[in-house]
Amino acid sequence: VQLQASGGGLVQAGGSLRLSCAASGRTFDIYSMGWFRQAPGKEREFVAVISWSGGSTYYADSVKGRFTISRDNAKNTVYLEMNSLKPEDTAVYYCAADHDYSDFMGTRLDYWGQGTLVTVSS
């Protein structure tokens, strides 16, 4: 599976962005998909995950209520809608795919995208 993330950019605090991650290669809908982020000088951290069917989602406490993960299996794409952005959301955002939903609680996942930079100005 190849993953291509897009949609990052510069936004003011309180603004919104939508990230997309397009998958190609093996069958997309058998994978759980998720997002991680890595801020400068910090470790990569979990943001959100969605099950292969879209029926289950889970979020980091820091983004709960502000971010929404969704997927369109017909388009082989997963999205991250980010609202009420804060300067501390500034990071490179990575999408990832894995057969096992629970693997998203760590960082040893099957596939990673290349990352897209989100910068939130105060």
N, C-alpha and C. Protein backbone atom coordinates (compact mmCIF):
# COMPACT_ATOMS: atom_id res chain seq x y z
N VAL A 1 0.85 -1.19 0.00
CA VAL A 1 0.00 0.00 0.00
C VAL A 1 0.88 1.24 0.00
N GLN A 2 0.61 2.14 -0.92
CA GLN A 2 1.30 3.43 -0.94
C GLN A 2 0.32 4.50 -0.47
N LEU A 3 0.80 5.38 0.39
CA LEU A 3 -0.05 6.41 0.99
C LEU A 3 0.48 7.79 0.62
N GLN A 4 -0.40 8.66 0.18
CA GLN A 4 -0.02 10.01 -0.21
C GLN A 4 -0.88 11.00 0.56
N ALA A 5 -0.26 11.71 1.50
CA ALA A 5 -0.99 12.70 2.30
C ALA A 5 -0.92 14.07 1.65
N SER A 6 -1.98 14.83 1.82
CA SER A 6 -2.03 16.19 1.28
C SER A 6 -2.98 17.03 2.12
N GLY A 7 -2.96 18.34 1.86
CA GLY A 7 -3.91 19.24 2.51
C GLY A 7 -3.34 20.11 3.60
N GLY A 8 -2.07 19.91 3.93
CA GLY A 8 -1.46 20.75 4.94
C GLY A 8 -1.28 22.18 4.46
N GLY A 9 -0.93 23.05 5.39
CA GLY A 9 -0.72 24.44 5.04
C GLY A 9 -0.64 25.32 6.26
N LEU A 10 -0.68 26.61 6.03
CA LEU A 10 -0.62 27.61 7.10
C LEU A 10 -2.03 28.12 7.38
N VAL A 11 -2.40 28.13 8.64
CA VAL A 11 -3.73 28.59 9.03
C VAL A 11 -3.62 29.34 10.35
N GLN A 12 -4.49 30.29 10.56
CA GLN A 12 -4.52 31.01 11.82
C GLN A 12 -5.21 30.18 12.90
N ALA A 13 -4.85 30.46 14.13
CA ALA A 13 -5.51 29.78 15.25
C ALA A 13 -7.02 29.98 15.17
N GLY A 14 -7.74 28.91 15.43
CA GLY A 14 -9.19 28.94 15.31
C GLY A 14 -9.70 28.52 13.96
N GLY A 15 -8.80 28.40 13.01
CA GLY A 15 -9.19 28.03 11.66
C GLY A 15 -9.32 26.53 11.47
N SER A 16 -9.54 26.14 10.22
CA SER A 16 -9.78 24.73 9.89
C SER A 16 -8.94 24.30 8.69
N LEU A 17 -8.66 23.01 8.65
CA LEU A 17 -8.00 22.40 7.50
C LEU A 17 -8.56 20.98 7.36
N ARG A 18 -8.52 20.46 6.15
CA ARG A 18 -8.86 19.06 5.94
C ARG A 18 -7.69 18.37 5.25
N LEU A 19 -7.18 17.37 5.91
CA LEU A 19 -6.12 16.55 5.33
C LEU A 19 -6.73 15.35 4.62
N SER A 20 -6.06 14.94 3.56
CA SER A 20 -6.48 13.75 2.82
C SER A 20 -5.31 12.80 2.72
N CYS A 21 -5.61 11.52 2.65
CA CYS A 21 -4.58 10.51 2.45
C CYS A 21 -5.13 9.51 1.43
N ALA A 22 -4.54 9.52 0.25
CA ALA A 22 -4.97 8.62 -0.81
C ALA A 22 -4.10 7.38 -0.81
N ALA A 23 -4.74 6.24 -0.89
CA ALA A 23 -4.03 4.96 -0.88
C ALA A 23 -4.09 4.30 -2.23
N SER A 24 -3.04 3.62 -2.57
CA SER A 24 -3.00 2.84 -3.80
C SER A 24 -2.28 1.53 -3.51
N GLY A 25 -2.47 0.57 -4.38
CA GLY A 25 -1.84 -0.72 -4.18
C GLY A 25 -2.86 -1.76 -3.75
N ARG A 26 -2.61 -2.38 -2.61
CA ARG A 26 -3.49 -3.44 -2.15
C ARG A 26 -4.86 -2.92 -1.72
N THR A 27 -5.77 -3.82 -1.52
CA THR A 27 -7.15 -3.47 -1.20
C THR A 27 -7.20 -2.56 0.02
N PHE A 28 -7.73 -1.37 -0.18
CA PHE A 28 -7.74 -0.34 0.85
C PHE A 28 -8.66 -0.68 1.99
N ASP A 29 -9.82 -1.28 1.67
CA ASP A 29 -10.85 -1.37 2.70
C ASP A 29 -10.61 -2.48 3.72
N ILE A 30 -9.48 -3.17 3.64
CA ILE A 30 -9.20 -4.16 4.68
C ILE A 30 -8.32 -3.59 5.77
N TYR A 31 -7.93 -2.35 5.60
CA TYR A 31 -7.00 -1.73 6.55
C TYR A 31 -7.70 -0.72 7.45
N SER A 32 -7.30 -0.71 8.71
CA SER A 32 -7.59 0.45 9.54
C SER A 32 -6.64 1.56 9.10
N MET A 33 -7.11 2.79 9.18
CA MET A 33 -6.32 3.93 8.76
C MET A 33 -6.26 4.96 9.89
N GLY A 34 -5.17 5.68 9.94
CA GLY A 34 -5.07 6.66 11.01
C GLY A 34 -4.10 7.77 10.70
N TRP A 35 -4.05 8.70 11.63
CA TRP A 35 -3.16 9.85 11.53
C TRP A 35 -2.30 9.96 12.79
N PHE A 36 -1.05 10.32 12.56
CA PHE A 36 -0.12 10.66 13.62
C PHE A 36 0.44 12.05 13.30
N ARG A 37 1.10 12.64 14.26
CA ARG A 37 1.77 13.92 14.01
C ARG A 37 3.07 13.98 14.78
N GLN A 38 3.98 14.80 14.26
CA GLN A 38 5.26 14.98 14.91
C GLN A 38 5.64 16.45 14.85
N ALA A 39 5.71 17.06 16.01
CA ALA A 39 6.12 18.45 16.12
C ALA A 39 7.64 18.51 16.24
N PRO A 40 8.25 19.65 15.89
CA PRO A 40 9.70 19.77 15.98
C PRO A 40 10.22 19.44 17.37
N GLY A 41 11.20 18.55 17.44
CA GLY A 41 11.81 18.20 18.70
C GLY A 41 11.00 17.26 19.56
N LYS A 42 9.89 16.77 19.04
CA LYS A 42 9.04 15.87 19.81
C LYS A 42 8.88 14.52 19.11
N GLU A 43 8.43 13.55 19.86
CA GLU A 43 8.19 12.23 19.29
C GLU A 43 6.88 12.23 18.50
N ARG A 44 6.80 11.29 17.58
CA ARG A 44 5.57 11.13 16.81
C ARG A 44 4.46 10.66 17.76
N GLU A 45 3.28 11.24 17.63
CA GLU A 45 2.18 10.89 18.51
C GLU A 45 0.92 10.57 17.73
N PHE A 46 0.14 9.72 18.32
CA PHE A 46 -1.13 9.30 17.74
C PHE A 46 -2.14 10.45 17.73
N VAL A 47 -2.92 10.55 16.66
CA VAL A 47 -3.97 11.56 16.56
C VAL A 47 -5.36 10.90 16.47
N ALA A 48 -5.55 10.02 15.49
CA ALA A 48 -6.87 9.42 15.30
C ALA A 48 -6.74 8.15 14.47
N VAL A 49 -7.72 7.27 14.62
CA VAL A 49 -7.76 6.03 13.85
C VAL A 49 -9.21 5.72 13.49
N ILE A 50 -9.39 5.07 12.35
CA ILE A 50 -10.72 4.64 11.91
C ILE A 50 -10.62 3.20 11.42
N SER A 51 -11.59 2.38 11.78
CA SER A 51 -11.58 0.98 11.39
C SER A 51 -11.84 0.83 9.89
N TRP A 52 -11.64 -0.39 9.38
CA TRP A 52 -11.78 -0.61 7.95
C TRP A 52 -13.19 -0.28 7.45
N SER A 53 -14.19 -0.51 8.29
CA SER A 53 -15.58 -0.26 7.89
C SER A 53 -15.99 1.19 8.12
N GLY A 54 -15.20 1.91 8.92
CA GLY A 54 -15.59 3.27 9.31
C GLY A 54 -16.47 3.28 10.54
N GLY A 55 -16.78 2.11 11.08
CA GLY A 55 -17.71 2.02 12.19
C GLY A 55 -17.10 2.36 13.54
N SER A 56 -15.80 2.32 13.63
CA SER A 56 -15.13 2.64 14.89
C SER A 56 -14.08 3.72 14.67
N THR A 57 -14.05 4.67 15.57
CA THR A 57 -13.03 5.71 15.55
C THR A 57 -12.52 5.93 16.97
N TYR A 58 -11.33 6.47 17.04
CA TYR A 58 -10.74 6.75 18.36
C TYR A 58 -9.80 7.93 18.18
N TYR A 59 -9.80 8.83 19.17
CA TYR A 59 -9.02 10.05 19.07
C TYR A 59 -8.13 10.25 20.29
N ALA A 60 -7.03 10.93 20.06
CA ALA A 60 -6.23 11.40 21.18
C ALA A 60 -7.03 12.45 21.95
N ASP A 61 -6.83 12.50 23.24
CA ASP A 61 -7.57 13.46 24.07
C ASP A 61 -7.33 14.89 23.60
N SER A 62 -6.15 15.16 23.10
CA SER A 62 -5.78 16.53 22.72
C SER A 62 -6.57 17.04 21.51
N VAL A 63 -7.16 16.15 20.74
CA VAL A 63 -7.90 16.58 19.53
C VAL A 63 -9.37 16.22 19.58
N LYS A 64 -9.77 15.50 20.60
CA LYS A 64 -11.16 15.04 20.70
C LYS A 64 -12.10 16.24 20.71
N GLY A 65 -13.14 16.15 19.88
CA GLY A 65 -14.10 17.24 19.79
C GLY A 65 -13.74 18.31 18.79
N ARG A 66 -12.50 18.29 18.31
CA ARG A 66 -12.05 19.29 17.31
C ARG A 66 -11.73 18.64 15.97
N PHE A 67 -11.22 17.41 16.00
CA PHE A 67 -10.84 16.71 14.78
C PHE A 67 -11.82 15.57 14.50
N THR A 68 -12.04 15.29 13.23
CA THR A 68 -12.90 14.19 12.82
C THR A 68 -12.21 13.38 11.72
N ILE A 69 -12.09 12.09 11.94
CA ILE A 69 -11.52 11.21 10.93
C ILE A 69 -12.66 10.51 10.19
N SER A 70 -12.50 10.35 8.89
CA SER A 70 -13.50 9.66 8.09
C SER A 70 -12.79 8.98 6.92
N ARG A 71 -13.52 8.14 6.22
CA ARG A 71 -12.91 7.46 5.07
C ARG A 71 -13.96 7.22 4.01
N ASP A 72 -13.49 7.15 2.77
CA ASP A 72 -14.32 6.82 1.63
C ASP A 72 -13.64 5.66 0.92
N ASN A 73 -14.12 4.45 1.16
CA ASN A 73 -13.45 3.28 0.60
C ASN A 73 -13.58 3.22 -0.92
N ALA A 74 -14.60 3.83 -1.47
CA ALA A 74 -14.74 3.86 -2.92
C ALA A 74 -13.65 4.72 -3.56
N LYS A 75 -13.15 5.70 -2.82
CA LYS A 75 -12.09 6.57 -3.32
C LYS A 75 -10.73 6.23 -2.73
N ASN A 76 -10.67 5.18 -1.92
CA ASN A 76 -9.40 4.79 -1.27
C ASN A 76 -8.75 5.96 -0.54
N THR A 77 -9.56 6.71 0.17
CA THR A 77 -9.06 7.93 0.81
C THR A 77 -9.57 8.03 2.24
N VAL A 78 -8.69 8.49 3.11
CA VAL A 78 -9.06 8.79 4.49
C VAL A 78 -8.84 10.29 4.70
N TYR A 79 -9.69 10.88 5.53
CA TYR A 79 -9.65 12.32 5.75
C TYR A 79 -9.47 12.63 7.24
N LEU A 80 -8.91 13.80 7.49
CA LEU A 80 -8.86 14.32 8.85
C LEU A 80 -9.33 15.77 8.79
N GLU A 81 -10.54 16.00 9.28
CA GLU A 81 -11.09 17.34 9.36
C GLU A 81 -10.65 17.94 10.67
N MET A 82 -9.93 19.07 10.59
CA MET A 82 -9.37 19.70 11.78
C MET A 82 -10.00 21.08 11.97
N ASN A 83 -10.69 21.27 13.07
CA ASN A 83 -11.34 22.54 13.38
C ASN A 83 -10.77 23.11 14.67
N SER A 84 -11.03 24.38 14.88
CA SER A 84 -10.56 25.08 16.08
C SER A 84 -9.08 24.82 16.32
N LEU A 85 -8.31 24.99 15.28
CA LEU A 85 -6.89 24.68 15.36
C LEU A 85 -6.17 25.60 16.33
N LYS A 86 -5.16 25.03 16.99
CA LYS A 86 -4.36 25.74 17.98
C LYS A 86 -2.90 25.72 17.54
N PRO A 87 -2.11 26.68 18.02
CA PRO A 87 -0.68 26.65 17.66
C PRO A 87 -0.01 25.33 18.03
N GLU A 88 -0.46 24.69 19.09
CA GLU A 88 0.14 23.42 19.49
C GLU A 88 -0.22 22.26 18.57
N ASP A 89 -1.11 22.49 17.61
CA ASP A 89 -1.39 21.48 16.59
C ASP A 89 -0.37 21.51 15.46
N THR A 90 0.52 22.48 15.48
CA THR A 90 1.55 22.58 14.45
C THR A 90 2.44 21.35 14.47
N ALA A 91 2.54 20.68 13.32
CA ALA A 91 3.30 19.44 13.22
C ALA A 91 3.28 18.96 11.78
N VAL A 92 4.11 17.97 11.51
CA VAL A 92 3.97 17.21 10.29
C VAL A 92 2.99 16.07 10.59
N TYR A 93 1.97 15.95 9.76
CA TYR A 93 0.94 14.94 9.95
C TYR A 93 1.17 13.79 8.98
N TYR A 94 1.16 12.59 9.53
CA TYR A 94 1.40 11.38 8.76
C TYR A 94 0.17 10.48 8.78
N CYS A 95 -0.19 9.94 7.64
CA CYS A 95 -1.22 8.91 7.64
C CYS A 95 -0.55 7.54 7.66
N ALA A 96 -1.29 6.57 8.14
CA ALA A 96 -0.76 5.22 8.28
C ALA A 96 -1.86 4.21 8.06
N ALA A 97 -1.45 3.01 7.69
CA ALA A 97 -2.40 1.91 7.46
C ALA A 97 -1.88 0.66 8.16
N ASP A 98 -2.82 -0.12 8.69
CA ASP A 98 -2.43 -1.35 9.36
C ASP A 98 -3.63 -2.30 9.38
N HIS A 99 -3.34 -3.60 9.37
CA HIS A 99 -4.43 -4.59 9.45
C HIS A 99 -5.11 -4.58 10.81
N ASP A 100 -4.37 -4.17 11.83
CA ASP A 100 -4.85 -4.30 13.21
C ASP A 100 -5.13 -2.92 13.81
N TYR A 101 -6.38 -2.67 14.11
CA TYR A 101 -6.82 -1.39 14.69
C TYR A 101 -6.03 -1.06 15.95
N SER A 102 -5.76 -2.03 16.77
CA SER A 102 -5.09 -1.78 18.04
C SER A 102 -3.62 -1.39 17.87
N ASP A 103 -3.04 -1.67 16.72
CA ASP A 103 -1.64 -1.30 16.49
C ASP A 103 -1.45 0.21 16.48
N PHE A 104 -2.53 0.95 16.30
CA PHE A 104 -2.43 2.41 16.26
C PHE A 104 -2.14 3.00 17.64
N MET A 105 -2.17 2.18 18.67
CA MET A 105 -1.78 2.66 19.99
C MET A 105 -0.26 2.72 20.12
N GLY A 106 0.44 2.18 19.14
CA GLY A 106 1.89 2.29 19.06
C GLY A 106 2.26 2.93 17.74
N THR A 107 3.50 2.79 17.34
CA THR A 107 3.94 3.39 16.07
C THR A 107 4.52 2.36 15.11
N ARG A 108 4.40 1.09 15.43
CA ARG A 108 4.91 0.05 14.54
C ARG A 108 3.77 -0.41 13.64
N LEU A 109 3.57 0.34 12.58
CA LEU A 109 2.46 0.10 11.67
C LEU A 109 2.96 -0.41 10.32
N ASP A 110 2.04 -1.00 9.57
CA ASP A 110 2.43 -1.64 8.31
C ASP A 110 2.92 -0.62 7.27
N TYR A 111 2.20 0.48 7.12
CA TYR A 111 2.50 1.43 6.06
C TYR A 111 2.38 2.87 6.57
N TRP A 112 3.26 3.72 6.05
CA TRP A 112 3.26 5.14 6.39
C TRP A 112 3.26 5.98 5.12
N GLY A 113 2.57 7.12 5.19
CA GLY A 113 2.67 8.12 4.14
C GLY A 113 3.85 9.05 4.41
N GLN A 114 4.05 10.01 3.53
CA GLN A 114 5.24 10.85 3.60
C GLN A 114 5.08 12.06 4.49
N GLY A 115 3.89 12.39 4.92
CA GLY A 115 3.69 13.53 5.81
C GLY A 115 3.31 14.80 5.09
N THR A 116 2.51 15.62 5.77
CA THR A 116 2.13 16.93 5.26
C THR A 116 2.19 17.91 6.43
N LEU A 117 2.76 19.08 6.19
CA LEU A 117 3.02 20.04 7.27
C LEU A 117 1.81 20.92 7.52
N VAL A 118 1.43 20.99 8.78
CA VAL A 118 0.37 21.90 9.23
C VAL A 118 1.00 22.91 10.18
N THR A 119 0.83 24.19 9.87
CA THR A 119 1.36 25.26 10.70
C THR A 119 0.20 26.14 11.13
N VAL A 120 0.05 26.30 12.45
CA VAL A 120 -1.02 27.12 12.99
C VAL A 120 -0.39 28.33 13.66
N SER A 121 -0.71 29.50 13.15
CA SER A 121 -0.14 30.73 13.70
C SER A 121 -1.05 31.31 14.76
N SER A 122 -0.45 31.95 15.74
CA SER A 122 -1.23 32.53 16.85
C SER A 122 -1.66 33.95 16.55
